[in-house]
Amino acid sequence: SFVLNLREIKTANDWQSVSGKVLVNLFQDLPLKYGDEMVLTGKLHYPFEFSQNRKFSYRQYLKRQGIIFVLSLKKDSPVQIFGHDKGSWLL
């Protein structure tokens, strides 16, 4: 799992410019590094609530970090890496 900063998202018709973060659940062992640019295909959904206890909300926990959606990819989902070292040198 990792947090991805979004720039574009493909809808049924075309690509839309967006901004924000998404939590990615990638069930593949790939040599990904901070600053990689990639195209991912998966299911975008709201985070699940794992606890029935109202003292902790996983959805609210992620929201406080600026993450509203989760992107889940299957083991055989295509991952296209097309750029490297695009992250902030400060991090």
C-alpha atoms as a PDB file:
ATOM      1  CA  SER A   1       0.000   0.000   0.000  1.00  0.00           C
ATOM      2  CA  PHE A   2       1.107   3.546  -0.689  1.00  0.00           C
ATOM      3  CA  VAL A   3      -0.313   7.059  -1.087  1.00  0.00           C
ATOM      4  CA  LEU A   4      -0.458   8.404  -4.616  1.00  0.00           C
ATOM      5  CA  ASN A   5      -0.821  12.068  -5.570  1.00  0.00           C
ATOM      6  CA  LEU A   6      -3.286  12.251  -8.442  1.00  0.00           C
ATOM      7  CA  ARG A   7      -2.911  14.474 -11.497  1.00  0.00           C
ATOM      8  CA  GLU A   8      -5.375  12.919 -13.931  1.00  0.00           C
ATOM      9  CA  ILE A   9      -8.141  10.341 -13.852  1.00  0.00           C
ATOM     10  CA  LYS A  10      -9.789   8.643 -16.817  1.00  0.00           C
ATOM     11  CA  THR A  11     -13.562   8.673 -16.927  1.00  0.00           C
ATOM     12  CA  ALA A  12     -15.745   6.809 -19.408  1.00  0.00           C
ATOM     13  CA  ASN A  13     -15.176   9.556 -21.997  1.00  0.00           C
ATOM     14  CA  ASP A  14     -11.780  11.178 -21.458  1.00  0.00           C
ATOM     15  CA  TRP A  15      -9.037  12.236 -19.046  1.00  0.00           C
ATOM     16  CA  GLN A  16      -9.873  14.793 -16.347  1.00  0.00           C
ATOM     17  CA  SER A  17      -7.348  16.916 -14.443  1.00  0.00           C
ATOM     18  CA  VAL A  18      -7.658  16.322 -10.693  1.00  0.00           C
ATOM     19  CA  SER A  19      -5.660  16.872  -7.552  1.00  0.00           C
ATOM     20  CA  GLY A  20      -5.623  14.967  -4.310  1.00  0.00           C
ATOM     21  CA  LYS A  21      -4.393  11.805  -2.703  1.00  0.00           C
ATOM     22  CA  VAL A  22      -5.571   8.230  -3.015  1.00  0.00           C
ATOM     23  CA  LEU A  23      -4.501   5.205  -0.988  1.00  0.00           C
ATOM     24  CA  VAL A  24      -3.393   2.479  -3.404  1.00  0.00           C
ATOM     25  CA  ASN A  25      -3.650  -1.195  -2.496  1.00  0.00           C
ATOM     26  CA  LEU A  26      -1.384  -2.943  -4.984  1.00  0.00           C
ATOM     27  CA  PHE A  27      -1.200  -6.730  -4.693  1.00  0.00           C
ATOM     28  CA  GLN A  28       1.918  -7.080  -6.848  1.00  0.00           C
ATOM     29  CA  ASP A  29       5.592  -7.067  -6.007  1.00  0.00           C
ATOM     30  CA  LEU A  30       6.976  -4.284  -8.206  1.00  0.00           C
ATOM     31  CA  PRO A  31      10.167  -2.221  -7.858  1.00  0.00           C
ATOM     32  CA  LEU A  32       8.325   1.068  -7.251  1.00  0.00           C
ATOM     33  CA  LYS A  33      10.181   4.031  -5.775  1.00  0.00           C
ATOM     34  CA  TYR A  34       9.217   7.438  -4.448  1.00  0.00           C
ATOM     35  CA  GLY A  35       8.838   9.837  -7.358  1.00  0.00           C
ATOM     36  CA  ASP A  36       7.738   7.261  -9.951  1.00  0.00           C
ATOM     37  CA  GLU A  37       5.004   8.354 -12.336  1.00  0.00           C
ATOM     38  CA  MET A  38       2.586   5.629 -13.308  1.00  0.00           C
ATOM     39  CA  VAL A  39      -0.741   4.709 -14.821  1.00  0.00           C
ATOM     40  CA  LEU A  40      -2.838   2.357 -12.679  1.00  0.00           C
ATOM     41  CA  THR A  41      -6.108   0.627 -13.482  1.00  0.00           C
ATOM     42  CA  GLY A  42      -8.301  -0.524 -10.619  1.00  0.00           C
ATOM     43  CA  LYS A  43     -11.446  -0.029  -8.584  1.00  0.00           C
ATOM     44  CA  LEU A  44     -11.853   3.347  -6.876  1.00  0.00           C
ATOM     45  CA  HIS A  45     -13.982   3.252  -3.719  1.00  0.00           C
ATOM     46  CA  TYR A  46     -14.528   4.836  -0.328  1.00  0.00           C
ATOM     47  CA  PRO A  47     -12.474   3.296   2.504  1.00  0.00           C
ATOM     48  CA  PHE A  48     -14.186   0.478   4.354  1.00  0.00           C
ATOM     49  CA  GLU A  49     -15.111   0.810   8.007  1.00  0.00           C
ATOM     50  CA  PHE A  50     -13.407  -2.143   9.662  1.00  0.00           C
ATOM     51  CA  SER A  51     -14.512  -1.524  13.220  1.00  0.00           C
ATOM     52  CA  GLN A  52     -18.041  -1.640  14.545  1.00  0.00           C
ATOM     53  CA  ASN A  53     -16.865   0.399  17.507  1.00  0.00           C
ATOM     54  CA  ARG A  54     -17.595   4.069  16.993  1.00  0.00           C
ATOM     55  CA  LYS A  55     -14.453   5.201  18.791  1.00  0.00           C
ATOM     56  CA  PHE A  56     -12.321   4.742  15.676  1.00  0.00           C
ATOM     57  CA  SER A  57     -13.273   5.401  12.066  1.00  0.00           C
ATOM     58  CA  TYR A  58     -10.770   4.308   9.427  1.00  0.00           C
ATOM     59  CA  ARG A  59     -12.562   6.517   6.886  1.00  0.00           C
ATOM     60  CA  GLN A  60     -12.179   9.587   9.136  1.00  0.00           C
ATOM     61  CA  TYR A  61      -8.555   8.661   9.903  1.00  0.00           C
ATOM     62  CA  LEU A  62      -7.715   8.697   6.179  1.00  0.00           C
ATOM     63  CA  LYS A  63      -9.766  11.845   5.596  1.00  0.00           C
ATOM     64  CA  ARG A  64      -7.643  13.715   8.185  1.00  0.00           C
ATOM     65  CA  GLN A  65      -4.639  12.797   6.014  1.00  0.00           C
ATOM     66  CA  GLY A  66      -6.358  14.183   2.914  1.00  0.00           C
ATOM     67  CA  ILE A  67      -7.293  10.754   1.532  1.00  0.00           C
ATOM     68  CA  ILE A  68     -10.922  10.316   0.485  1.00  0.00           C
ATOM     69  CA  PHE A  69     -10.690   7.299  -1.842  1.00  0.00           C
ATOM     70  CA  VAL A  70      -8.897   3.961  -2.041  1.00  0.00           C
ATOM     71  CA  LEU A  71      -7.741   2.451  -5.351  1.00  0.00           C
ATOM     72  CA  SER A  72      -7.592  -1.352  -5.282  1.00  0.00           C
ATOM     73  CA  LEU A  73      -5.765  -3.238  -8.015  1.00  0.00           C
ATOM     74  CA  LYS A  74      -5.965  -6.948  -8.740  1.00  0.00           C
ATOM     75  CA  LYS A  75      -2.821  -9.065  -8.871  1.00  0.00           C
ATOM     76  CA  ASP A  76      -2.893  -9.026 -12.672  1.00  0.00           C
ATOM     77  CA  SER A  77      -3.836  -5.336 -13.126  1.00  0.00           C
ATOM     78  CA  PRO A  78      -1.554  -3.469 -15.512  1.00  0.00           C
ATOM     79  CA  VAL A  79       0.908  -1.007 -13.974  1.00  0.00           C
ATOM     80  CA  GLN A  80       2.679   1.324 -16.408  1.00  0.00           C
ATOM     81  CA  ILE A  81       5.669   3.216 -15.006  1.00  0.00           C
ATOM     82  CA  PHE A  82       6.611   6.043 -17.357  1.00  0.00           C
ATOM     83  CA  GLY A  83       8.722   8.386 -15.245  1.00  0.00           C
ATOM     84  CA  HIS A  84      11.190   8.312 -12.368  1.00  0.00           C
ATOM     85  CA  ASP A  85      12.550  10.823  -9.839  1.00  0.00           C
ATOM     86  CA  LYS A  86       9.552  13.174 -10.111  1.00  0.00           C
ATOM     87  CA  GLY A  87       9.134  13.587  -6.347  1.00  0.00           C
ATOM     88  CA  SER A  88      10.211  16.492  -4.177  1.00  0.00           C
ATOM     89  CA  TRP A  89      13.916  16.454  -3.355  1.00  0.00           C
ATOM     90  CA  LEU A  90      12.999  17.776   0.109  1.00  0.00           C
ATOM     91  CA  LEU A  91      11.287  14.498   0.993  1.00  0.00           C
END
